[in-house]
N, C-alpha and C. Protein backbone atom coordinates (compact mmCIF):
# COMPACT_ATOMS: atom_id res chain seq x y z
N GLN A 1 0.31 -113.53 49.99
CA GLN A 1 -1.10 -113.40 49.63
C GLN A 1 -1.43 -111.92 49.43
N VAL A 2 -2.12 -111.62 48.34
CA VAL A 2 -2.54 -110.26 48.03
C VAL A 2 -4.04 -110.27 47.79
N GLN A 3 -4.74 -109.39 48.45
CA GLN A 3 -6.17 -109.23 48.19
C GLN A 3 -6.39 -107.91 47.47
N LEU A 4 -7.23 -107.95 46.45
CA LEU A 4 -7.48 -106.79 45.62
C LEU A 4 -8.95 -106.39 45.71
N VAL A 5 -9.22 -105.12 45.93
CA VAL A 5 -10.58 -104.63 46.05
C VAL A 5 -10.75 -103.41 45.14
N GLU A 6 -11.61 -103.57 44.12
CA GLU A 6 -11.87 -102.48 43.19
C GLU A 6 -12.99 -101.58 43.71
N SER A 7 -12.96 -100.33 43.28
CA SER A 7 -14.02 -99.37 43.58
C SER A 7 -14.03 -98.30 42.51
N GLY A 8 -15.09 -97.49 42.51
CA GLY A 8 -15.15 -96.37 41.58
C GLY A 8 -16.05 -96.58 40.38
N GLY A 9 -16.61 -97.77 40.24
CA GLY A 9 -17.51 -98.00 39.12
C GLY A 9 -18.83 -97.29 39.32
N GLY A 10 -19.65 -97.30 38.28
CA GLY A 10 -20.95 -96.67 38.37
C GLY A 10 -21.57 -96.44 37.02
N LEU A 11 -22.59 -95.60 37.00
CA LEU A 11 -23.32 -95.27 35.78
C LEU A 11 -22.90 -93.88 35.32
N VAL A 12 -22.54 -93.77 34.06
CA VAL A 12 -22.09 -92.48 33.52
C VAL A 12 -22.60 -92.35 32.08
N GLN A 13 -22.83 -91.13 31.66
CA GLN A 13 -23.26 -90.90 30.29
C GLN A 13 -22.06 -90.98 29.33
N ALA A 14 -22.36 -91.31 28.10
CA ALA A 14 -21.32 -91.35 27.08
C ALA A 14 -20.60 -90.01 27.03
N GLY A 15 -19.27 -90.08 26.92
CA GLY A 15 -18.45 -88.88 26.92
C GLY A 15 -17.95 -88.50 28.29
N GLY A 16 -18.49 -89.13 29.32
CA GLY A 16 -18.10 -88.83 30.68
C GLY A 16 -16.84 -89.55 31.11
N SER A 17 -16.50 -89.40 32.39
CA SER A 17 -15.27 -89.97 32.95
C SER A 17 -15.55 -90.69 34.26
N LEU A 18 -14.72 -91.66 34.54
CA LEU A 18 -14.70 -92.35 35.82
C LEU A 18 -13.25 -92.69 36.14
N ARG A 19 -12.96 -92.80 37.43
CA ARG A 19 -11.65 -93.30 37.85
C ARG A 19 -11.86 -94.51 38.73
N LEU A 20 -11.35 -95.63 38.28
CA LEU A 20 -11.40 -96.85 39.08
C LEU A 20 -10.16 -96.94 39.95
N SER A 21 -10.36 -97.50 41.14
CA SER A 21 -9.24 -97.75 42.05
C SER A 21 -9.22 -99.22 42.40
N CYS A 22 -8.05 -99.73 42.66
CA CYS A 22 -7.87 -101.10 43.11
C CYS A 22 -6.89 -101.07 44.27
N ALA A 23 -7.42 -101.30 45.46
CA ALA A 23 -6.60 -101.27 46.67
C ALA A 23 -6.12 -102.68 46.99
N ALA A 24 -4.83 -102.79 47.26
CA ALA A 24 -4.24 -104.09 47.54
C ALA A 24 -3.80 -104.20 48.99
N SER A 25 -4.02 -105.35 49.55
CA SER A 25 -3.51 -105.63 50.90
C SER A 25 -2.13 -106.24 50.77
N GLY A 26 -1.39 -106.27 51.85
CA GLY A 26 -0.09 -106.92 51.83
C GLY A 26 1.04 -105.98 51.51
N ARG A 27 2.23 -106.34 51.97
CA ARG A 27 3.39 -105.48 51.81
C ARG A 27 4.15 -105.76 50.54
N THR A 28 3.65 -106.69 49.70
CA THR A 28 4.39 -107.04 48.49
C THR A 28 3.80 -106.41 47.24
N PHE A 29 2.86 -105.49 47.41
CA PHE A 29 2.18 -104.88 46.26
C PHE A 29 3.19 -104.32 45.27
N SER A 30 4.20 -103.64 45.75
CA SER A 30 5.15 -102.96 44.87
C SER A 30 6.02 -103.91 44.07
N SER A 31 5.93 -105.20 44.33
CA SER A 31 6.70 -106.17 43.56
C SER A 31 5.91 -106.77 42.41
N TYR A 32 4.63 -106.44 42.31
CA TYR A 32 3.76 -107.01 41.29
C TYR A 32 3.49 -106.02 40.16
N ALA A 33 3.48 -106.54 38.95
CA ALA A 33 2.87 -105.81 37.84
C ALA A 33 1.36 -105.90 38.02
N MET A 34 0.66 -104.86 37.59
CA MET A 34 -0.79 -104.82 37.77
C MET A 34 -1.48 -104.59 36.43
N GLY A 35 -2.67 -105.12 36.34
CA GLY A 35 -3.42 -104.95 35.11
C GLY A 35 -4.89 -104.73 35.37
N TRP A 36 -5.56 -104.18 34.37
CA TRP A 36 -7.01 -104.05 34.36
C TRP A 36 -7.55 -104.88 33.18
N PHE A 37 -8.62 -105.59 33.46
CA PHE A 37 -9.34 -106.36 32.46
C PHE A 37 -10.82 -105.99 32.57
N ARG A 38 -11.58 -106.36 31.56
CA ARG A 38 -13.02 -106.12 31.63
C ARG A 38 -13.78 -107.26 30.96
N GLN A 39 -15.01 -107.44 31.38
CA GLN A 39 -15.86 -108.47 30.79
C GLN A 39 -17.26 -107.93 30.63
N ALA A 40 -17.70 -107.85 29.39
CA ALA A 40 -19.05 -107.42 29.07
C ALA A 40 -19.96 -108.64 29.05
N PRO A 41 -21.26 -108.43 29.24
CA PRO A 41 -22.20 -109.57 29.23
C PRO A 41 -22.10 -110.37 27.94
N GLY A 42 -21.97 -111.69 28.09
CA GLY A 42 -21.92 -112.55 26.93
C GLY A 42 -20.61 -112.56 26.19
N LYS A 43 -19.61 -111.86 26.72
CA LYS A 43 -18.30 -111.80 26.06
C LYS A 43 -17.21 -112.33 26.98
N GLU A 44 -16.09 -112.66 26.37
CA GLU A 44 -14.95 -113.11 27.15
C GLU A 44 -14.26 -111.92 27.83
N ARG A 45 -13.56 -112.23 28.90
CA ARG A 45 -12.79 -111.19 29.59
C ARG A 45 -11.68 -110.71 28.66
N GLU A 46 -11.49 -109.39 28.61
CA GLU A 46 -10.46 -108.84 27.72
C GLU A 46 -9.52 -107.92 28.49
N PHE A 47 -8.30 -107.88 28.01
CA PHE A 47 -7.27 -107.04 28.59
C PHE A 47 -7.55 -105.57 28.27
N VAL A 48 -7.28 -104.71 29.26
CA VAL A 48 -7.48 -103.27 29.08
C VAL A 48 -6.15 -102.51 29.16
N ALA A 49 -5.39 -102.75 30.25
CA ALA A 49 -4.15 -102.00 30.44
C ALA A 49 -3.29 -102.71 31.47
N LYS A 50 -1.98 -102.43 31.44
CA LYS A 50 -1.07 -102.98 32.44
C LYS A 50 0.00 -101.96 32.80
N ILE A 51 0.61 -102.18 33.97
CA ILE A 51 1.67 -101.29 34.46
C ILE A 51 2.68 -102.14 35.20
N ASN A 52 3.96 -101.80 35.04
CA ASN A 52 4.96 -102.62 35.71
C ASN A 52 5.07 -102.25 37.20
N ALA A 53 5.91 -102.97 37.91
CA ALA A 53 5.95 -102.84 39.37
C ALA A 53 6.32 -101.43 39.83
N SER A 54 7.23 -100.79 39.12
CA SER A 54 7.66 -99.45 39.53
C SER A 54 6.76 -98.35 39.01
N GLY A 55 5.92 -98.68 38.03
CA GLY A 55 5.05 -97.67 37.42
C GLY A 55 5.68 -96.97 36.24
N GLY A 56 6.89 -97.38 35.86
CA GLY A 56 7.60 -96.71 34.78
C GLY A 56 7.21 -97.15 33.39
N SER A 57 6.52 -98.27 33.29
CA SER A 57 6.10 -98.78 31.97
C SER A 57 4.62 -99.12 32.01
N THR A 58 3.94 -98.71 30.95
CA THR A 58 2.51 -99.01 30.83
C THR A 58 2.21 -99.45 29.41
N TYR A 59 1.08 -100.13 29.26
CA TYR A 59 0.60 -100.54 27.94
C TYR A 59 -0.91 -100.58 27.99
N HIS A 60 -1.53 -100.02 26.93
CA HIS A 60 -2.99 -99.99 26.87
C HIS A 60 -3.47 -100.68 25.61
N ALA A 61 -4.58 -101.37 25.72
CA ALA A 61 -5.19 -101.99 24.55
C ALA A 61 -5.59 -100.91 23.55
N ASP A 62 -5.58 -101.28 22.28
CA ASP A 62 -5.91 -100.32 21.24
C ASP A 62 -7.31 -99.72 21.43
N SER A 63 -8.21 -100.52 21.96
CA SER A 63 -9.61 -100.07 22.11
C SER A 63 -9.75 -98.93 23.12
N VAL A 64 -8.76 -98.75 23.99
CA VAL A 64 -8.86 -97.71 25.02
C VAL A 64 -7.72 -96.70 24.94
N LYS A 65 -6.77 -96.93 24.06
CA LYS A 65 -5.60 -96.06 23.96
C LYS A 65 -6.02 -94.63 23.66
N GLY A 66 -5.46 -93.71 24.42
CA GLY A 66 -5.81 -92.30 24.26
C GLY A 66 -7.01 -91.87 25.08
N ARG A 67 -7.75 -92.82 25.64
CA ARG A 67 -8.91 -92.50 26.47
C ARG A 67 -8.72 -92.94 27.92
N PHE A 68 -8.07 -94.08 28.12
CA PHE A 68 -7.86 -94.63 29.46
C PHE A 68 -6.38 -94.50 29.83
N THR A 69 -6.11 -94.33 31.12
CA THR A 69 -4.74 -94.27 31.60
C THR A 69 -4.62 -95.06 32.89
N ILE A 70 -3.68 -96.00 32.91
CA ILE A 70 -3.39 -96.77 34.12
C ILE A 70 -2.25 -96.09 34.87
N SER A 71 -2.33 -96.10 36.19
CA SER A 71 -1.27 -95.56 37.03
C SER A 71 -1.29 -96.30 38.36
N ARG A 72 -0.28 -96.07 39.16
CA ARG A 72 -0.23 -96.73 40.47
C ARG A 72 0.48 -95.83 41.47
N ASP A 73 0.13 -96.05 42.74
CA ASP A 73 0.78 -95.36 43.85
C ASP A 73 1.22 -96.45 44.83
N ASN A 74 2.49 -96.79 44.82
CA ASN A 74 2.97 -97.88 45.67
C ASN A 74 2.95 -97.51 47.16
N GLU A 75 2.97 -96.23 47.47
CA GLU A 75 2.85 -95.82 48.86
C GLU A 75 1.45 -96.12 49.40
N LYS A 76 0.47 -96.05 48.51
CA LYS A 76 -0.92 -96.29 48.91
C LYS A 76 -1.40 -97.70 48.53
N ASN A 77 -0.51 -98.51 47.96
CA ASN A 77 -0.89 -99.87 47.54
C ASN A 77 -2.11 -99.86 46.64
N THR A 78 -2.14 -98.93 45.70
CA THR A 78 -3.32 -98.76 44.86
C THR A 78 -2.93 -98.57 43.40
N VAL A 79 -3.72 -99.18 42.53
CA VAL A 79 -3.59 -98.97 41.10
C VAL A 79 -4.89 -98.33 40.60
N TYR A 80 -4.76 -97.44 39.63
CA TYR A 80 -5.89 -96.67 39.14
C TYR A 80 -6.12 -96.90 37.65
N LEU A 81 -7.34 -96.66 37.22
CA LEU A 81 -7.66 -96.61 35.80
C LEU A 81 -8.51 -95.38 35.57
N GLN A 82 -7.91 -94.36 34.99
CA GLN A 82 -8.66 -93.15 34.64
C GLN A 82 -9.29 -93.37 33.28
N MET A 83 -10.60 -93.25 33.21
CA MET A 83 -11.34 -93.52 31.98
C MET A 83 -12.05 -92.25 31.53
N ASN A 84 -11.64 -91.75 30.39
CA ASN A 84 -12.25 -90.54 29.82
C ASN A 84 -12.94 -90.88 28.50
N SER A 85 -13.77 -89.97 28.05
CA SER A 85 -14.48 -90.14 26.77
C SER A 85 -15.12 -91.52 26.68
N LEU A 86 -15.83 -91.88 27.72
CA LEU A 86 -16.42 -93.21 27.78
C LEU A 86 -17.48 -93.42 26.71
N LYS A 87 -17.55 -94.65 26.23
CA LYS A 87 -18.49 -95.05 25.20
C LYS A 87 -19.39 -96.17 25.73
N PRO A 88 -20.57 -96.33 25.16
CA PRO A 88 -21.44 -97.43 25.61
C PRO A 88 -20.74 -98.79 25.53
N GLU A 89 -19.87 -98.97 24.56
CA GLU A 89 -19.18 -100.25 24.43
C GLU A 89 -18.12 -100.48 25.51
N ASP A 90 -17.88 -99.50 26.35
CA ASP A 90 -17.00 -99.69 27.51
C ASP A 90 -17.74 -100.31 28.69
N THR A 91 -19.05 -100.47 28.56
CA THR A 91 -19.84 -101.08 29.63
C THR A 91 -19.36 -102.50 29.89
N ALA A 92 -19.02 -102.78 31.14
CA ALA A 92 -18.47 -104.09 31.52
C ALA A 92 -18.22 -104.11 33.02
N VAL A 93 -17.92 -105.29 33.51
CA VAL A 93 -17.34 -105.41 34.85
C VAL A 93 -15.83 -105.31 34.69
N TYR A 94 -15.23 -104.43 35.46
CA TYR A 94 -13.79 -104.19 35.38
C TYR A 94 -13.09 -104.86 36.56
N TYR A 95 -12.03 -105.59 36.23
CA TYR A 95 -11.28 -106.33 37.24
C TYR A 95 -9.83 -105.86 37.25
N CYS A 96 -9.26 -105.78 38.44
CA CYS A 96 -7.81 -105.59 38.50
C CYS A 96 -7.16 -106.93 38.81
N ALA A 97 -5.90 -107.03 38.45
CA ALA A 97 -5.18 -108.29 38.59
C ALA A 97 -3.72 -108.02 38.88
N ALA A 98 -3.10 -108.95 39.59
CA ALA A 98 -1.68 -108.85 39.95
C ALA A 98 -0.91 -110.01 39.35
N SER A 99 0.25 -109.67 38.80
CA SER A 99 1.10 -110.69 38.17
C SER A 99 2.54 -110.48 38.58
N PRO A 100 3.31 -111.56 38.70
CA PRO A 100 4.73 -111.40 39.01
C PRO A 100 5.54 -110.90 37.82
N SER A 101 4.90 -110.89 36.63
CA SER A 101 5.62 -110.52 35.42
C SER A 101 4.83 -109.52 34.57
N TYR A 102 5.41 -108.37 34.30
CA TYR A 102 4.78 -107.39 33.40
C TYR A 102 4.64 -107.96 32.00
N TYR A 103 5.65 -108.69 31.54
CA TYR A 103 5.64 -109.19 30.16
C TYR A 103 4.72 -110.39 29.99
N ARG A 104 4.48 -111.14 31.02
CA ARG A 104 3.59 -112.30 30.94
C ARG A 104 2.26 -112.05 31.64
N LEU A 105 1.92 -110.78 31.87
CA LEU A 105 0.73 -110.47 32.66
C LEU A 105 -0.53 -111.09 32.06
N LEU A 106 -0.65 -111.11 30.73
CA LEU A 106 -1.89 -111.62 30.14
C LEU A 106 -2.10 -113.10 30.41
N THR A 107 -1.04 -113.83 30.71
CA THR A 107 -1.17 -115.27 30.89
C THR A 107 -0.78 -115.75 32.28
N ASP A 108 -0.27 -114.86 33.12
CA ASP A 108 0.29 -115.28 34.40
C ASP A 108 -0.23 -114.39 35.51
N ILE A 109 -1.51 -114.55 35.82
CA ILE A 109 -2.16 -113.77 36.88
C ILE A 109 -2.16 -114.57 38.17
N TYR A 110 -1.69 -113.93 39.24
CA TYR A 110 -1.69 -114.59 40.54
C TYR A 110 -2.95 -114.25 41.34
N TYR A 111 -3.42 -113.01 41.23
CA TYR A 111 -4.55 -112.57 42.04
C TYR A 111 -5.51 -111.73 41.20
N TRP A 112 -6.81 -111.91 41.48
CA TRP A 112 -7.86 -111.13 40.85
C TRP A 112 -8.67 -110.41 41.91
N GLY A 113 -9.19 -109.25 41.55
CA GLY A 113 -10.18 -108.59 42.38
C GLY A 113 -11.56 -109.14 42.06
N GLN A 114 -12.56 -108.63 42.77
CA GLN A 114 -13.92 -109.14 42.61
C GLN A 114 -14.67 -108.42 41.50
N GLY A 115 -14.15 -107.29 41.04
CA GLY A 115 -14.76 -106.57 39.94
C GLY A 115 -15.63 -105.41 40.38
N THR A 116 -15.75 -104.42 39.50
CA THR A 116 -16.64 -103.28 39.73
C THR A 116 -17.36 -102.97 38.42
N GLN A 117 -18.65 -102.73 38.49
CA GLN A 117 -19.47 -102.53 37.30
C GLN A 117 -19.34 -101.10 36.78
N VAL A 118 -19.11 -100.99 35.49
CA VAL A 118 -19.13 -99.69 34.80
C VAL A 118 -20.21 -99.77 33.72
N THR A 119 -21.13 -98.83 33.77
CA THR A 119 -22.20 -98.78 32.78
C THR A 119 -22.21 -97.40 32.13
N VAL A 120 -22.12 -97.39 30.81
CA VAL A 120 -22.09 -96.14 30.06
C VAL A 120 -23.36 -96.06 29.23
N SER A 121 -24.16 -95.05 29.51
CA SER A 121 -25.43 -94.88 28.79
C SER A 121 -25.23 -93.98 27.58
N SER A 122 -26.03 -94.25 26.53
CA SER A 122 -25.90 -93.46 25.29
C SER A 122 -26.79 -92.24 25.33
């Protein structure tokens, strides 16, 4: 069992930065690939970024590539999402997720966090 708790969301002006954190309980964190997703009001949840268990491989959605960076610290059982050059369209609830497979992360999620709100004002 893995519990995920996100933090770091808030209100920021366009062009600003935020760093989201997702702290995981349990000693098996380092065996999971991790991902970030987001859901804006009235829209479906969408993939943002993923990282493999060791942290050696990452992938970012085109909408955030070059602005957002996913990383992880397995010693701290935490995955991060550094968000720079934020835009109003980045406004959403951001969720972290754990999957046993980096390659099937979009379809094979074992655990979800509760989400953290990010609001970007224009």
